[in-house]
Amino acid sequence: MLLKNRPHHNLNNRTVCNTKPVTVEYEVIEFAKTLEPIIDAIAKWGISYRSALQQKG
């Protein structure tokens, strides 16, 4: 699914620039940045899980 088609739920700003070709800029709003520790924890878990799977071989 493309980012432009996803619901934003006020977590980011989308700006269409008047350029050729058209440029679209996305910016995460401050409140959405509060998710960063959660996303980091999930990423850390994923790396750890992948390592565990590779060790089991």
PDB file of N, CA and C in Angstrom:
ATOM      1  N   MET A   1       0.843  -1.171   0.000  1.00  0.00           N
ATOM      2  CA  MET A   1       0.000   0.000   0.000  1.00  0.00           C
ATOM      3  C   MET A   1       0.897   1.246   0.000  1.00  0.00           C
ATOM      4  N   LEU A   2       0.577   2.182  -0.811  1.00  0.00           N
ATOM      5  CA  LEU A   2       1.346   3.416  -0.897  1.00  0.00           C
ATOM      6  C   LEU A   2       1.085   4.308   0.302  1.00  0.00           C
ATOM      7  N   LEU A   3       2.106   5.055   0.696  1.00  0.00           N
ATOM      8  CA  LEU A   3       1.980   5.950   1.840  1.00  0.00           C
ATOM      9  C   LEU A   3       0.865   6.960   1.642  1.00  0.00           C
ATOM     10  N   LYS A   4       0.706   7.461   0.413  1.00  0.00           N
ATOM     11  CA  LYS A   4      -0.321   8.475   0.172  1.00  0.00           C
ATOM     12  C   LYS A   4      -1.731   7.921   0.358  1.00  0.00           C
ATOM     13  N   ASN A   5      -1.892   6.606   0.246  1.00  0.00           N
ATOM     14  CA  ASN A   5      -3.205   5.985   0.397  1.00  0.00           C
ATOM     15  C   ASN A   5      -3.505   5.547   1.825  1.00  0.00           C
ATOM     16  N   ARG A   6      -2.530   5.640   2.692  1.00  0.00           N
ATOM     17  CA  ARG A   6      -2.716   5.201   4.071  1.00  0.00           C
ATOM     18  C   ARG A   6      -3.372   6.302   4.887  1.00  0.00           C
ATOM     19  N   PRO A   7      -4.188   5.932   5.850  1.00  0.00           N
ATOM     20  CA  PRO A   7      -4.752   6.957   6.735  1.00  0.00           C
ATOM     21  C   PRO A   7      -3.635   7.545   7.593  1.00  0.00           C
ATOM     22  N   HIS A   8      -3.654   8.825   7.783  1.00  0.00           N
ATOM     23  CA  HIS A   8      -2.563   9.488   8.499  1.00  0.00           C
ATOM     24  C   HIS A   8      -2.824   9.614   9.987  1.00  0.00           C
ATOM     25  N   HIS A   9      -4.065   9.669  10.387  1.00  0.00           N
ATOM     26  CA  HIS A   9      -4.428   9.770  11.803  1.00  0.00           C
ATOM     27  C   HIS A   9      -3.642  10.870  12.519  1.00  0.00           C
ATOM     28  N   ASN A  10      -3.350  11.931  11.798  1.00  0.00           N
ATOM     29  CA  ASN A  10      -2.636  13.090  12.351  1.00  0.00           C
ATOM     30  C   ASN A  10      -1.271  12.738  12.923  1.00  0.00           C
ATOM     31  N   LEU A  11      -0.584  11.771  12.324  1.00  0.00           N
ATOM     32  CA  LEU A  11       0.756  11.413  12.768  1.00  0.00           C
ATOM     33  C   LEU A  11       1.839  12.009  11.882  1.00  0.00           C
ATOM     34  N   ASN A  12       1.443  12.490  10.708  1.00  0.00           N
ATOM     35  CA  ASN A  12       2.414  13.118   9.827  1.00  0.00           C
ATOM     36  C   ASN A  12       1.730  14.178   8.963  1.00  0.00           C
ATOM     37  N   ASN A  13       2.553  15.052   8.431  1.00  0.00           N
ATOM     38  CA  ASN A  13       2.093  16.079   7.494  1.00  0.00           C
ATOM     39  C   ASN A  13       2.545  15.689   6.093  1.00  0.00           C
ATOM     40  N   ARG A  14       1.678  15.887   5.129  1.00  0.00           N
ATOM     41  CA  ARG A  14       1.999  15.605   3.726  1.00  0.00           C
ATOM     42  C   ARG A  14       1.936  16.916   2.959  1.00  0.00           C
ATOM     43  N   THR A  15       3.032  17.249   2.285  1.00  0.00           N
ATOM     44  CA  THR A  15       3.104  18.482   1.513  1.00  0.00           C
ATOM     45  C   THR A  15       3.440  18.150   0.069  1.00  0.00           C
ATOM     46  N   VAL A  16       2.604  18.602  -0.851  1.00  0.00           N
ATOM     47  CA  VAL A  16       2.864  18.420  -2.277  1.00  0.00           C
ATOM     48  C   VAL A  16       3.548  19.686  -2.767  1.00  0.00           C
ATOM     49  N   CYS A  17       4.764  19.540  -3.280  1.00  0.00           N
ATOM     50  CA  CYS A  17       5.547  20.687  -3.746  1.00  0.00           C
ATOM     51  C   CYS A  17       5.238  20.970  -5.211  1.00  0.00           C
ATOM     52  N   ASN A  18       5.291  22.224  -5.572  1.00  0.00           N
ATOM     53  CA  ASN A  18       5.015  22.653  -6.943  1.00  0.00           C
ATOM     54  C   ASN A  18       6.300  22.540  -7.766  1.00  0.00           C
ATOM     55  N   THR A  19       6.688  21.302  -8.050  1.00  0.00           N
ATOM     56  CA  THR A  19       7.903  21.036  -8.824  1.00  0.00           C
ATOM     57  C   THR A  19       7.564  20.095  -9.970  1.00  0.00           C
ATOM     58  N   LYS A  20       8.493  19.980 -10.909  1.00  0.00           N
ATOM     59  CA  LYS A  20       8.341  19.025 -12.007  1.00  0.00           C
ATOM     60  C   LYS A  20       9.555  18.125 -12.005  1.00  0.00           C
ATOM     61  N   PRO A  21       9.430  16.837 -11.810  1.00  0.00           N
ATOM     62  CA  PRO A  21       8.185  16.158 -11.468  1.00  0.00           C
ATOM     63  C   PRO A  21       7.716  16.562 -10.070  1.00  0.00           C
ATOM     64  N   VAL A  22       6.469  16.271  -9.783  1.00  0.00           N
ATOM     65  CA  VAL A  22       5.888  16.627  -8.493  1.00  0.00           C
ATOM     66  C   VAL A  22       6.653  15.919  -7.376  1.00  0.00           C
ATOM     67  N   THR A  23       6.952  16.667  -6.337  1.00  0.00           N
ATOM     68  CA  THR A  23       7.623  16.122  -5.168  1.00  0.00           C
ATOM     69  C   THR A  23       6.655  16.162  -4.002  1.00  0.00           C
ATOM     70  N   VAL A  24       6.622  15.082  -3.235  1.00  0.00           N
ATOM     71  CA  VAL A  24       5.781  15.031  -2.050  1.00  0.00           C
ATOM     72  C   VAL A  24       6.692  14.824  -0.854  1.00  0.00           C
ATOM     73  N   GLU A  25       6.530  15.670   0.159  1.00  0.00           N
ATOM     74  CA  GLU A  25       7.334  15.572   1.368  1.00  0.00           C
ATOM     75  C   GLU A  25       6.443  15.144   2.524  1.00  0.00           C
ATOM     76  N   TYR A  26       6.957  14.234   3.334  1.00  0.00           N
ATOM     77  CA  TYR A  26       6.255  13.778   4.526  1.00  0.00           C
ATOM     78  C   TYR A  26       7.073  14.176   5.741  1.00  0.00           C
ATOM     79  N   GLU A  27       6.396  14.626   6.771  1.00  0.00           N
ATOM     80  CA  GLU A  27       7.059  15.027   8.009  1.00  0.00           C
ATOM     81  C   GLU A  27       6.284  14.430   9.174  1.00  0.00           C
ATOM     82  N   VAL A  28       7.012  13.774  10.068  1.00  0.00           N
ATOM     83  CA  VAL A  28       6.387  13.199  11.258  1.00  0.00           C
ATOM     84  C   VAL A  28       6.180  14.316  12.269  1.00  0.00           C
ATOM     85  N   ILE A  29       4.956  14.404  12.816  1.00  0.00           N
ATOM     86  CA  ILE A  29       4.693  15.445  13.802  1.00  0.00           C
ATOM     87  C   ILE A  29       5.273  15.033  15.154  1.00  0.00           C
ATOM     88  N   GLU A  30       5.424  16.000  16.048  1.00  0.00           N
ATOM     89  CA  GLU A  30       6.063  15.757  17.342  1.00  0.00           C
ATOM     90  C   GLU A  30       5.388  14.642  18.137  1.00  0.00           C
ATOM     91  N   PHE A  31       4.063  14.616  18.164  1.00  0.00           N
ATOM     92  CA  PHE A  31       3.376  13.583  18.944  1.00  0.00           C
ATOM     93  C   PHE A  31       3.699  12.189  18.430  1.00  0.00           C
ATOM     94  N   ALA A  32       3.823  12.044  17.128  1.00  0.00           N
ATOM     95  CA  ALA A  32       4.148  10.734  16.552  1.00  0.00           C
ATOM     96  C   ALA A  32       5.543  10.281  16.952  1.00  0.00           C
ATOM     97  N   LYS A  33       6.422  11.229  17.223  1.00  0.00           N
ATOM     98  CA  LYS A  33       7.784  10.888  17.634  1.00  0.00           C
ATOM     99  C   LYS A  33       7.810  10.185  18.982  1.00  0.00           C
ATOM    100  N   THR A  34       6.712  10.270  19.751  1.00  0.00           N
ATOM    101  CA  THR A  34       6.656   9.559  21.028  1.00  0.00           C
ATOM    102  C   THR A  34       6.610   8.054  20.813  1.00  0.00           C
ATOM    103  N   LEU A  35       6.335   7.610  19.583  1.00  0.00           N
ATOM    104  CA  LEU A  35       6.343   6.178  19.259  1.00  0.00           C
ATOM    105  C   LEU A  35       7.758   5.635  19.063  1.00  0.00           C
ATOM    106  N   GLU A  36       8.731   6.511  18.959  1.00  0.00           N
ATOM    107  CA  GLU A  36      10.099   6.077  18.647  1.00  0.00           C
ATOM    108  C   GLU A  36      10.638   5.023  19.610  1.00  0.00           C
ATOM    109  N   PRO A  37      10.484   5.149  20.936  1.00  0.00           N
ATOM    110  CA  PRO A  37      11.000   4.104  21.835  1.00  0.00           C
ATOM    111  C   PRO A  37      10.324   2.747  21.600  1.00  0.00           C
ATOM    112  N   ILE A  38       9.061   2.768  21.263  1.00  0.00           N
ATOM    113  CA  ILE A  38       8.331   1.521  21.005  1.00  0.00           C
ATOM    114  C   ILE A  38       8.850   0.873  19.723  1.00  0.00           C
ATOM    115  N   ILE A  39       9.017   1.676  18.687  1.00  0.00           N
ATOM    116  CA  ILE A  39       9.524   1.157  17.405  1.00  0.00           C
ATOM    117  C   ILE A  39      10.945   0.630  17.579  1.00  0.00           C
ATOM    118  N   ASP A  40      11.769   1.354  18.341  1.00  0.00           N
ATOM    119  CA  ASP A  40      13.139   0.901  18.599  1.00  0.00           C
ATOM    120  C   ASP A  40      13.145  -0.436  19.339  1.00  0.00           C
ATOM    121  N   ALA A  41      12.250  -0.594  20.324  1.00  0.00           N
ATOM    122  CA  ALA A  41      12.173  -1.842  21.078  1.00  0.00           C
ATOM    123  C   ALA A  41      11.756  -2.998  20.175  1.00  0.00           C
ATOM    124  N   ILE A  42      10.796  -2.767  19.283  1.00  0.00           N
ATOM    125  CA  ILE A  42      10.368  -3.810  18.351  1.00  0.00           C
ATOM    126  C   ILE A  42      11.509  -4.184  17.398  1.00  0.00           C
ATOM    127  N   ALA A  43      12.236  -3.191  16.922  1.00  0.00           N
ATOM    128  CA  ALA A  43      13.371  -3.454  16.027  1.00  0.00           C
ATOM    129  C   ALA A  43      14.447  -4.260  16.747  1.00  0.00           C
ATOM    130  N   LYS A  44      14.734  -3.896  17.995  1.00  0.00           N
ATOM    131  CA  LYS A  44      15.733  -4.615  18.788  1.00  0.00           C
ATOM    132  C   LYS A  44      15.296  -6.064  18.992  1.00  0.00           C
ATOM    133  N   TRP A  45      14.005  -6.262  19.282  1.00  0.00           N
ATOM    134  CA  TRP A  45      13.486  -7.613  19.439  1.00  0.00           C
ATOM    135  C   TRP A  45      13.659  -8.407  18.141  1.00  0.00           C
ATOM    136  N   GLY A  46      13.338  -7.796  17.015  1.00  0.00           N
ATOM    137  CA  GLY A  46      13.451  -8.474  15.729  1.00  0.00           C
ATOM    138  C   GLY A  46      14.874  -8.909  15.430  1.00  0.00           C
ATOM    139  N   ILE A  47      15.829  -8.055  15.725  1.00  0.00           N
ATOM    140  CA  ILE A  47      17.247  -8.397  15.505  1.00  0.00           C
ATOM    141  C   ILE A  47      17.642  -9.560  16.402  1.00  0.00           C
ATOM    142  N   SER A  48      17.220  -9.513  17.657  1.00  0.00           N
ATOM    143  CA  SER A  48      17.524 -10.583  18.595  1.00  0.00           C
ATOM    144  C   SER A  48      16.877 -11.905  18.161  1.00  0.00           C
ATOM    145  N   TYR A  49      15.639 -11.822  17.710  1.00  0.00           N
ATOM    146  CA  TYR A  49      14.920 -13.013  17.268  1.00  0.00           C
ATOM    147  C   TYR A  49      15.579 -13.631  16.044  1.00  0.00           C
ATOM    148  N   ARG A  50      15.984 -12.789  15.111  1.00  0.00           N
ATOM    149  CA  ARG A  50      16.668 -13.303  13.919  1.00  0.00           C
ATOM    150  C   ARG A  50      17.959 -14.001  14.297  1.00  0.00           C
ATOM    151  N   SER A  51      18.722 -13.429  15.230  1.00  0.00           N
ATOM    152  CA  SER A  51      19.962 -14.051  15.679  1.00  0.00           C
ATOM    153  C   SER A  51      19.698 -15.409  16.316  1.00  0.00           C
ATOM    154  N   ALA A  52      18.637 -15.487  17.116  1.00  0.00           N
ATOM    155  CA  ALA A  52      18.288 -16.754  17.762  1.00  0.00           C
ATOM    156  C   ALA A  52      17.915 -17.802  16.712  1.00  0.00           C
ATOM    157  N   LEU A  53      17.177 -17.408  15.694  1.00  0.00           N
ATOM    158  CA  LEU A  53      16.819 -18.356  14.644  1.00  0.00           C
ATOM    159  C   LEU A  53      18.040 -18.825  13.872  1.00  0.00           C
ATOM    160  N   GLN A  54      18.973 -17.916  13.609  1.00  0.00           N
ATOM    161  CA  GLN A  54      20.168 -18.283  12.857  1.00  0.00           C
ATOM    162  C   GLN A  54      21.055 -19.224  13.656  1.00  0.00           C
ATOM    163  N   GLN A  55      21.068 -19.056  14.971  1.00  0.00           N
ATOM    164  CA  GLN A  55      21.881 -19.929  15.813  1.00  0.00           C
ATOM    165  C   GLN A  55      21.318 -21.344  15.868  1.00  0.00           C
ATOM    166  N   LYS A  56      19.989 -21.450  15.762  1.00  0.00           N
ATOM    167  CA  LYS A  56      19.360 -22.769  15.757  1.00  0.00           C
ATOM    168  C   LYS A  56      19.613 -23.489  14.442  1.00  0.00           C
ATOM    169  N   GLY A  57      19.870 -22.672  13.398  1.00  0.00           N
ATOM    170  CA  GLY A  57      20.254 -23.150  12.100  1.00  0.00           C
ATOM    171  C   GLY A  57      19.314 -23.955  11.365  1.00  0.00           C
TER     172      GLY A  57
END
